[in-house]
mmCIF file of all heavy atoms, coordinates in Angstrom:
data_MODEL
# 
_entry.id   MODEL 
# 
loop_
_atom_site.group_PDB 
_atom_site.id 
_atom_site.type_symbol 
_atom_site.label_atom_id 
_atom_site.label_alt_id 
_atom_site.label_comp_id 
_atom_site.label_asym_id 
_atom_site.label_entity_id 
_atom_site.label_seq_id 
_atom_site.pdbx_PDB_ins_code 
_atom_site.Cartn_x 
_atom_site.Cartn_y 
_atom_site.Cartn_z 
_atom_site.occupancy 
_atom_site.B_iso_or_equiv 
_atom_site.pdbx_formal_charge 
_atom_site.auth_seq_id 
_atom_site.auth_comp_id 
_atom_site.auth_asym_id 
_atom_site.auth_atom_id 
_atom_site.pdbx_PDB_model_num 
ATOM 1   N N   . LEU A 1 1  ? 10.938  3.596  6.916  1.00 0.00 ? 1  LEU A N   1 
ATOM 2   C CA  . LEU A 1 1  ? 11.272  2.171  6.962  1.00 0.00 ? 1  LEU A CA  1 
ATOM 3   C C   . LEU A 1 1  ? 10.036  1.302  6.799  1.00 0.00 ? 1  LEU A C   1 
ATOM 4   O O   . LEU A 1 1  ? 10.079  0.244  6.162  1.00 0.00 ? 1  LEU A O   1 
ATOM 5   C CB  . LEU A 1 1  ? 11.957  1.843  8.298  1.00 0.00 ? 1  LEU A CB  1 
ATOM 6   C CG  . LEU A 1 1  ? 13.361  2.405  8.514  1.00 0.00 ? 1  LEU A CG  1 
ATOM 7   C CD1 . LEU A 1 1  ? 13.804  2.161  9.954  1.00 0.00 ? 1  LEU A CD1 1 
ATOM 8   C CD2 . LEU A 1 1  ? 14.349  1.792  7.542  1.00 0.00 ? 1  LEU A CD2 1 
ATOM 9   N N   . VAL A 1 2  ? 8.907   1.734  7.378  1.00 0.00 ? 2  VAL A N   1 
ATOM 10  C CA  . VAL A 1 2  ? 7.699   0.903  7.413  1.00 0.00 ? 2  VAL A CA  1 
ATOM 11  C C   . VAL A 1 2  ? 6.809   1.132  6.190  1.00 0.00 ? 2  VAL A C   1 
ATOM 12  O O   . VAL A 1 2  ? 6.322   0.175  5.568  1.00 0.00 ? 2  VAL A O   1 
ATOM 13  C CB  . VAL A 1 2  ? 6.906   1.178  8.703  1.00 0.00 ? 2  VAL A CB  1 
ATOM 14  C CG1 . VAL A 1 2  ? 5.600   0.387  8.712  1.00 0.00 ? 2  VAL A CG1 1 
ATOM 15  C CG2 . VAL A 1 2  ? 7.757   0.843  9.921  1.00 0.00 ? 2  VAL A CG2 1 
ATOM 16  N N   . GLY A 1 3  ? 6.604   2.411  5.818  1.00 0.00 ? 3  GLY A N   1 
ATOM 17  C CA  . GLY A 1 3  ? 5.646   2.745  4.774  1.00 0.00 ? 3  GLY A CA  1 
ATOM 18  C C   . GLY A 1 3  ? 5.882   2.061  3.437  1.00 0.00 ? 3  GLY A C   1 
ATOM 19  O O   . GLY A 1 3  ? 4.954   1.437  2.882  1.00 0.00 ? 3  GLY A O   1 
ATOM 20  N N   . PRO A 1 4  ? 7.102   2.138  2.865  1.00 0.00 ? 4  PRO A N   1 
ATOM 21  C CA  . PRO A 1 4  ? 7.325   1.479  1.572  1.00 0.00 ? 4  PRO A CA  1 
ATOM 22  C C   . PRO A 1 4  ? 7.103   -0.032 1.619  1.00 0.00 ? 4  PRO A C   1 
ATOM 23  O O   . PRO A 1 4  ? 6.605   -0.619 0.655  1.00 0.00 ? 4  PRO A O   1 
ATOM 24  C CB  . PRO A 1 4  ? 8.793   1.819  1.265  1.00 0.00 ? 4  PRO A CB  1 
ATOM 25  C CG  . PRO A 1 4  ? 9.037   3.105  1.978  1.00 0.00 ? 4  PRO A CG  1 
ATOM 26  C CD  . PRO A 1 4  ? 8.255   2.996  3.241  1.00 0.00 ? 4  PRO A CD  1 
ATOM 27  N N   . ALA A 1 5  ? 7.471   -0.666 2.744  1.00 0.00 ? 5  ALA A N   1 
ATOM 28  C CA  . ALA A 1 5  ? 7.276   -2.113 2.859  1.00 0.00 ? 5  ALA A CA  1 
ATOM 29  C C   . ALA A 1 5  ? 5.788   -2.455 2.858  1.00 0.00 ? 5  ALA A C   1 
ATOM 30  O O   . ALA A 1 5  ? 5.342   -3.379 2.160  1.00 0.00 ? 5  ALA A O   1 
ATOM 31  C CB  . ALA A 1 5  ? 7.940   -2.633 4.132  1.00 0.00 ? 5  ALA A CB  1 
ATOM 32  N N   . VAL A 1 6  ? 4.992   -1.697 3.611  1.00 0.00 ? 6  VAL A N   1 
ATOM 33  C CA  . VAL A 1 6  ? 3.545   -1.933 3.645  1.00 0.00 ? 6  VAL A CA  1 
ATOM 34  C C   . VAL A 1 6  ? 2.931   -1.650 2.274  1.00 0.00 ? 6  VAL A C   1 
ATOM 35  O O   . VAL A 1 6  ? 2.058   -2.380 1.800  1.00 0.00 ? 6  VAL A O   1 
ATOM 36  C CB  . VAL A 1 6  ? 2.888   -1.062 4.728  1.00 0.00 ? 6  VAL A CB  1 
ATOM 37  C CG1 . VAL A 1 6  ? 1.371   -1.234 4.711  1.00 0.00 ? 6  VAL A CG1 1 
ATOM 38  C CG2 . VAL A 1 6  ? 3.443   -1.418 6.107  1.00 0.00 ? 6  VAL A CG2 1 
ATOM 39  N N   . ALA A 1 7  ? 3.417   -0.571 1.627  1.00 0.00 ? 7  ALA A N   1 
ATOM 40  C CA  . ALA A 1 7  ? 2.895   -0.238 0.295  1.00 0.00 ? 7  ALA A CA  1 
ATOM 41  C C   . ALA A 1 7  ? 3.179   -1.358 -0.692 1.00 0.00 ? 7  ALA A C   1 
ATOM 42  O O   . ALA A 1 7  ? 2.313   -1.706 -1.513 1.00 0.00 ? 7  ALA A O   1 
ATOM 43  C CB  . ALA A 1 7  ? 3.529   1.071  -0.194 1.00 0.00 ? 7  ALA A CB  1 
ATOM 44  N N   . GLY A 1 8  ? 4.370   -1.932 -0.627 1.00 0.00 ? 8  GLY A N   1 
ATOM 45  C CA  . GLY A 1 8  ? 4.708   -3.029 -1.520 1.00 0.00 ? 8  GLY A CA  1 
ATOM 46  C C   . GLY A 1 8  ? 3.774   -4.208 -1.342 1.00 0.00 ? 8  GLY A C   1 
ATOM 47  O O   . GLY A 1 8  ? 3.310   -4.813 -2.327 1.00 0.00 ? 8  GLY A O   1 
ATOM 48  N N   . LEU A 1 9  ? 3.463   -4.524 -0.081 1.00 0.00 ? 9  LEU A N   1 
ATOM 49  C CA  . LEU A 1 9  ? 2.550   -5.636 0.190  1.00 0.00 ? 9  LEU A CA  1 
ATOM 50  C C   . LEU A 1 9  ? 1.137   -5.335 -0.322 1.00 0.00 ? 9  LEU A C   1 
ATOM 51  O O   . LEU A 1 9  ? 0.475   -6.203 -0.904 1.00 0.00 ? 9  LEU A O   1 
ATOM 52  C CB  . LEU A 1 9  ? 2.518   -5.919 1.691  1.00 0.00 ? 9  LEU A CB  1 
ATOM 53  C CG  . LEU A 1 9  ? 3.807   -6.485 2.306  1.00 0.00 ? 9  LEU A CG  1 
ATOM 54  C CD1 . LEU A 1 9  ? 3.671   -6.576 3.819  1.00 0.00 ? 9  LEU A CD1 1 
ATOM 55  C CD2 . LEU A 1 9  ? 4.123   -7.863 1.714  1.00 0.00 ? 9  LEU A CD2 1 
ATOM 56  N N   . MET A 1 10 ? 0.676   -4.090 -0.138 1.00 0.00 ? 10 MET A N   1 
ATOM 57  C CA  . MET A 1 10 ? -0.680  -3.739 -0.561 1.00 0.00 ? 10 MET A CA  1 
ATOM 58  C C   . MET A 1 10 ? -0.779  -3.708 -2.083 1.00 0.00 ? 10 MET A C   1 
ATOM 59  O O   . MET A 1 10 ? -1.772  -4.175 -2.653 1.00 0.00 ? 10 MET A O   1 
ATOM 60  C CB  . MET A 1 10 ? -1.076  -2.380 0.030  1.00 0.00 ? 10 MET A CB  1 
ATOM 61  C CG  . MET A 1 10 ? -1.271  -2.387 1.530  1.00 0.00 ? 10 MET A CG  1 
ATOM 62  S SD  . MET A 1 10 ? -2.093  -0.899 2.145  1.00 0.00 ? 10 MET A SD  1 
ATOM 63  C CE  . MET A 1 10 ? -3.764  -1.156 1.563  1.00 0.00 ? 10 MET A CE  1 
ATOM 64  N N   . ILE A 1 11 ? 0.235   -3.142 -2.744 1.00 0.00 ? 11 ILE A N   1 
ATOM 65  C CA  . ILE A 1 11 ? 0.204   -3.071 -4.205 1.00 0.00 ? 11 ILE A CA  1 
ATOM 66  C C   . ILE A 1 11 ? 0.176   -4.476 -4.802 1.00 0.00 ? 11 ILE A C   1 
ATOM 67  O O   . ILE A 1 11 ? -0.582  -4.769 -5.724 1.00 0.00 ? 11 ILE A O   1 
ATOM 68  C CB  . ILE A 1 11 ? 1.413   -2.274 -4.725 1.00 0.00 ? 11 ILE A CB  1 
ATOM 69  C CG1 . ILE A 1 11 ? 1.289   -0.804 -4.329 1.00 0.00 ? 11 ILE A CG1 1 
ATOM 70  C CG2 . ILE A 1 11 ? 1.539   -2.408 -6.243 1.00 0.00 ? 11 ILE A CG2 1 
ATOM 71  C CD1 . ILE A 1 11 ? 2.537   0.007  -4.585 1.00 0.00 ? 11 ILE A CD1 1 
ATOM 72  N N   . THR A 1 12 ? 1.011   -5.363 -4.242 1.00 0.00 ? 12 THR A N   1 
ATOM 73  C CA  . THR A 1 12 ? 1.075   -6.738 -4.738 1.00 0.00 ? 12 THR A CA  1 
ATOM 74  C C   . THR A 1 12 ? -0.209  -7.503 -4.416 1.00 0.00 ? 12 THR A C   1 
ATOM 75  O O   . THR A 1 12 ? -0.715  -8.266 -5.244 1.00 0.00 ? 12 THR A O   1 
ATOM 76  C CB  . THR A 1 12 ? 2.276   -7.472 -4.120 1.00 0.00 ? 12 THR A CB  1 
ATOM 77  O OG1 . THR A 1 12 ? 3.466   -6.742 -4.420 1.00 0.00 ? 12 THR A OG1 1 
ATOM 78  C CG2 . THR A 1 12 ? 2.396   -8.870 -4.670 1.00 0.00 ? 12 THR A CG2 1 
ATOM 79  N N   . GLY A 1 13 ? -0.748  -7.284 -3.208 1.00 0.00 ? 13 GLY A N   1 
ATOM 80  C CA  . GLY A 1 13 ? -1.884  -8.075 -2.757 1.00 0.00 ? 13 GLY A CA  1 
ATOM 81  C C   . GLY A 1 13 ? -3.230  -7.580 -3.246 1.00 0.00 ? 13 GLY A C   1 
ATOM 82  O O   . GLY A 1 13 ? -4.054  -8.369 -3.740 1.00 0.00 ? 13 GLY A O   1 
ATOM 83  N N   . VAL A 1 14 ? -3.497  -6.267 -3.142 1.00 0.00 ? 14 VAL A N   1 
ATOM 84  C CA  . VAL A 1 14 ? -4.841  -5.763 -3.454 1.00 0.00 ? 14 VAL A CA  1 
ATOM 85  C C   . VAL A 1 14 ? -4.847  -4.606 -4.445 1.00 0.00 ? 14 VAL A C   1 
ATOM 86  O O   . VAL A 1 14 ? -5.915  -4.197 -4.906 1.00 0.00 ? 14 VAL A O   1 
ATOM 87  C CB  . VAL A 1 14 ? -5.565  -5.331 -2.152 1.00 0.00 ? 14 VAL A CB  1 
ATOM 88  C CG1 . VAL A 1 14 ? -5.843  -6.531 -1.283 1.00 0.00 ? 14 VAL A CG1 1 
ATOM 89  C CG2 . VAL A 1 14 ? -4.763  -4.277 -1.387 1.00 0.00 ? 14 VAL A CG2 1 
ATOM 90  N N   . GLY A 1 15 ? -3.693  -4.017 -4.760 1.00 0.00 ? 15 GLY A N   1 
ATOM 91  C CA  . GLY A 1 15 ? -3.639  -2.957 -5.768 1.00 0.00 ? 15 GLY A CA  1 
ATOM 92  C C   . GLY A 1 15 ? -3.324  -1.594 -5.194 1.00 0.00 ? 15 GLY A C   1 
ATOM 93  O O   . GLY A 1 15 ? -3.461  -1.340 -3.987 1.00 0.00 ? 15 GLY A O   1 
ATOM 94  N N   . THR A 1 16 ? -2.918  -0.671 -6.088 1.00 0.00 ? 16 THR A N   1 
ATOM 95  C CA  . THR A 1 16 ? -2.472  0.666  -5.667 1.00 0.00 ? 16 THR A CA  1 
ATOM 96  C C   . THR A 1 16 ? -3.603  1.494  -5.075 1.00 0.00 ? 16 THR A C   1 
ATOM 97  O O   . THR A 1 16 ? -3.375  2.339  -4.195 1.00 0.00 ? 16 THR A O   1 
ATOM 98  C CB  . THR A 1 16 ? -1.873  1.424  -6.866 1.00 0.00 ? 16 THR A CB  1 
ATOM 99  O OG1 . THR A 1 16 ? -2.824  1.433  -7.939 1.00 0.00 ? 16 THR A OG1 1 
ATOM 100 C CG2 . THR A 1 16 ? -0.601  0.771  -7.345 1.00 0.00 ? 16 THR A CG2 1 
ATOM 101 N N   . GLY A 1 17 ? -4.829  1.273  -5.538 1.00 0.00 ? 17 GLY A N   1 
ATOM 102 C CA  . GLY A 1 17 ? -5.950  2.066  -5.047 1.00 0.00 ? 17 GLY A CA  1 
ATOM 103 C C   . GLY A 1 17 ? -6.126  1.961  -3.547 1.00 0.00 ? 17 GLY A C   1 
ATOM 104 O O   . GLY A 1 17 ? -6.458  2.947  -2.873 1.00 0.00 ? 17 GLY A O   1 
ATOM 105 N N   . TRP A 1 18 ? -5.921  0.770  -3.016 1.00 0.00 ? 18 TRP A N   1 
ATOM 106 C CA  . TRP A 1 18 ? -6.078  0.574  -1.572 1.00 0.00 ? 18 TRP A CA  1 
ATOM 107 C C   . TRP A 1 18 ? -4.968  1.272  -0.789 1.00 0.00 ? 18 TRP A C   1 
ATOM 108 O O   . TRP A 1 18 ? -5.191  1.706  0.352  1.00 0.00 ? 18 TRP A O   1 
ATOM 109 C CB  . TRP A 1 18 ? -6.117  -0.915 -1.248 1.00 0.00 ? 18 TRP A CB  1 
ATOM 110 C CG  . TRP A 1 18 ? -7.344  -1.573 -1.780 1.00 0.00 ? 18 TRP A CG  1 
ATOM 111 C CD1 . TRP A 1 18 ? -7.450  -2.329 -2.912 1.00 0.00 ? 18 TRP A CD1 1 
ATOM 112 C CD2 . TRP A 1 18 ? -8.656  -1.489 -1.232 1.00 0.00 ? 18 TRP A CD2 1 
ATOM 113 N NE1 . TRP A 1 18 ? -8.742  -2.729 -3.116 1.00 0.00 ? 18 TRP A NE1 1 
ATOM 114 C CE2 . TRP A 1 18 ? -9.519  -2.231 -2.087 1.00 0.00 ? 18 TRP A CE2 1 
ATOM 115 C CE3 . TRP A 1 18 ? -9.206  -0.862 -0.113 1.00 0.00 ? 18 TRP A CE3 1 
ATOM 116 C CZ2 . TRP A 1 18 ? -10.884 -2.355 -1.845 1.00 0.00 ? 18 TRP A CZ2 1 
ATOM 117 C CZ3 . TRP A 1 18 ? -10.577 -0.998 0.124  1.00 0.00 ? 18 TRP A CZ3 1 
ATOM 118 C CH2 . TRP A 1 18 ? -11.390 -1.734 -0.722 1.00 0.00 ? 18 TRP A CH2 1 
ATOM 119 N N   . ALA A 1 19 ? -3.781  1.411  -1.376 1.00 0.00 ? 19 ALA A N   1 
ATOM 120 C CA  . ALA A 1 19 ? -2.706  2.160  -0.717 1.00 0.00 ? 19 ALA A CA  1 
ATOM 121 C C   . ALA A 1 19 ? -3.074  3.642  -0.630 1.00 0.00 ? 19 ALA A C   1 
ATOM 122 O O   . ALA A 1 19 ? -2.824  4.298  0.391  1.00 0.00 ? 19 ALA A O   1 
ATOM 123 C CB  . ALA A 1 19 ? -1.385  1.976  -1.474 1.00 0.00 ? 19 ALA A CB  1 
ATOM 124 N N   . PHE A 1 20 ? -3.687  4.177  -1.702 1.00 0.00 ? 20 PHE A N   1 
ATOM 125 C CA  . PHE A 1 20 ? -4.149  5.564  -1.661 1.00 0.00 ? 20 PHE A CA  1 
ATOM 126 C C   . PHE A 1 20 ? -5.234  5.743  -0.604 1.00 0.00 ? 20 PHE A C   1 
ATOM 127 O O   . PHE A 1 20 ? -5.245  6.739  0.130  1.00 0.00 ? 20 PHE A O   1 
ATOM 128 C CB  . PHE A 1 20 ? -4.694  5.982  -3.031 1.00 0.00 ? 20 PHE A CB  1 
ATOM 129 C CG  . PHE A 1 20 ? -3.667  6.025  -4.122 1.00 0.00 ? 20 PHE A CG  1 
ATOM 130 C CD1 . PHE A 1 20 ? -3.972  5.549  -5.391 1.00 0.00 ? 20 PHE A CD1 1 
ATOM 131 C CD2 . PHE A 1 20 ? -2.402  6.532  -3.893 1.00 0.00 ? 20 PHE A CD2 1 
ATOM 132 C CE1 . PHE A 1 20 ? -3.040  5.585  -6.412 1.00 0.00 ? 20 PHE A CE1 1 
ATOM 133 C CE2 . PHE A 1 20 ? -1.455  6.577  -4.905 1.00 0.00 ? 20 PHE A CE2 1 
ATOM 134 C CZ  . PHE A 1 20 ? -1.772  6.101  -6.168 1.00 0.00 ? 20 PHE A CZ  1 
ATOM 135 N N   . LEU A 1 21 ? -6.151  4.782  -0.534 1.00 0.00 ? 21 LEU A N   1 
ATOM 136 C CA  . LEU A 1 21 ? -7.224  4.866  0.450  1.00 0.00 ? 21 LEU A CA  1 
ATOM 137 C C   . LEU A 1 21 ? -6.668  4.815  1.869  1.00 0.00 ? 21 LEU A C   1 
ATOM 138 O O   . LEU A 1 21 ? -7.108  5.573  2.751  1.00 0.00 ? 21 LEU A O   1 
ATOM 139 C CB  . LEU A 1 21 ? -8.223  3.723  0.236  1.00 0.00 ? 21 LEU A CB  1 
ATOM 140 C CG  . LEU A 1 21 ? -9.436  3.712  1.174  1.00 0.00 ? 21 LEU A CG  1 
ATOM 141 C CD1 . LEU A 1 21 ? -10.258 4.984  1.026  1.00 0.00 ? 21 LEU A CD1 1 
ATOM 142 C CD2 . LEU A 1 21 ? -10.308 2.479  0.920  1.00 0.00 ? 21 LEU A CD2 1 
ATOM 143 N N   . ALA A 1 22 ? -5.688  3.935  2.085  1.00 0.00 ? 22 ALA A N   1 
ATOM 144 C CA  . ALA A 1 22 ? -5.067  3.845  3.414  1.00 0.00 ? 22 ALA A CA  1 
ATOM 145 C C   . ALA A 1 22 ? -4.416  5.166  3.790  1.00 0.00 ? 22 ALA A C   1 
ATOM 146 O O   . ALA A 1 22 ? -4.501  5.615  4.945  1.00 0.00 ? 22 ALA A O   1 
ATOM 147 C CB  . ALA A 1 22 ? -4.039  2.715  3.432  1.00 0.00 ? 22 ALA A CB  1 
ATOM 148 N N   . ASN A 1 23 ? -3.769  5.824  2.840  1.00 0.00 ? 23 ASN A N   1 
ATOM 149 C CA  . ASN A 1 23 ? -3.154  7.116  3.137  1.00 0.00 ? 23 ASN A CA  1 
ATOM 150 C C   . ASN A 1 23 ? -4.220  8.159  3.456  1.00 0.00 ? 23 ASN A C   1 
ATOM 151 O O   . ASN A 1 23 ? -4.073  8.943  4.407  1.00 0.00 ? 23 ASN A O   1 
ATOM 152 C CB  . ASN A 1 23 ? -2.306  7.588  1.955  1.00 0.00 ? 23 ASN A CB  1 
ATOM 153 C CG  . ASN A 1 23 ? -1.678  8.941  2.210  1.00 0.00 ? 23 ASN A CG  1 
ATOM 154 O OD1 . ASN A 1 23 ? -1.106  9.186  3.260  1.00 0.00 ? 23 ASN A OD1 1 
ATOM 155 N ND2 . ASN A 1 23 ? -1.794  9.847  1.247  1.00 0.00 ? 23 ASN A ND2 1 
ATOM 156 N N   . GLY A 1 24 ? -5.290  8.177  2.671  1.00 0.00 ? 24 GLY A N   1 
ATOM 157 C CA  . GLY A 1 24 ? -6.353  9.136  2.955  1.00 0.00 ? 24 GLY A CA  1 
ATOM 158 C C   . GLY A 1 24 ? -6.939  8.957  4.348  1.00 0.00 ? 24 GLY A C   1 
ATOM 159 O O   . GLY A 1 24 ? -7.147  9.933  5.085  1.00 0.00 ? 24 GLY A O   1 
# 
């Protein structure tokens, strides 16, 4: 429930790379 919503905000705001970094 939480992860996709946060990913959407990060992709829109700062880009996909930061979502990968957050996961790492």
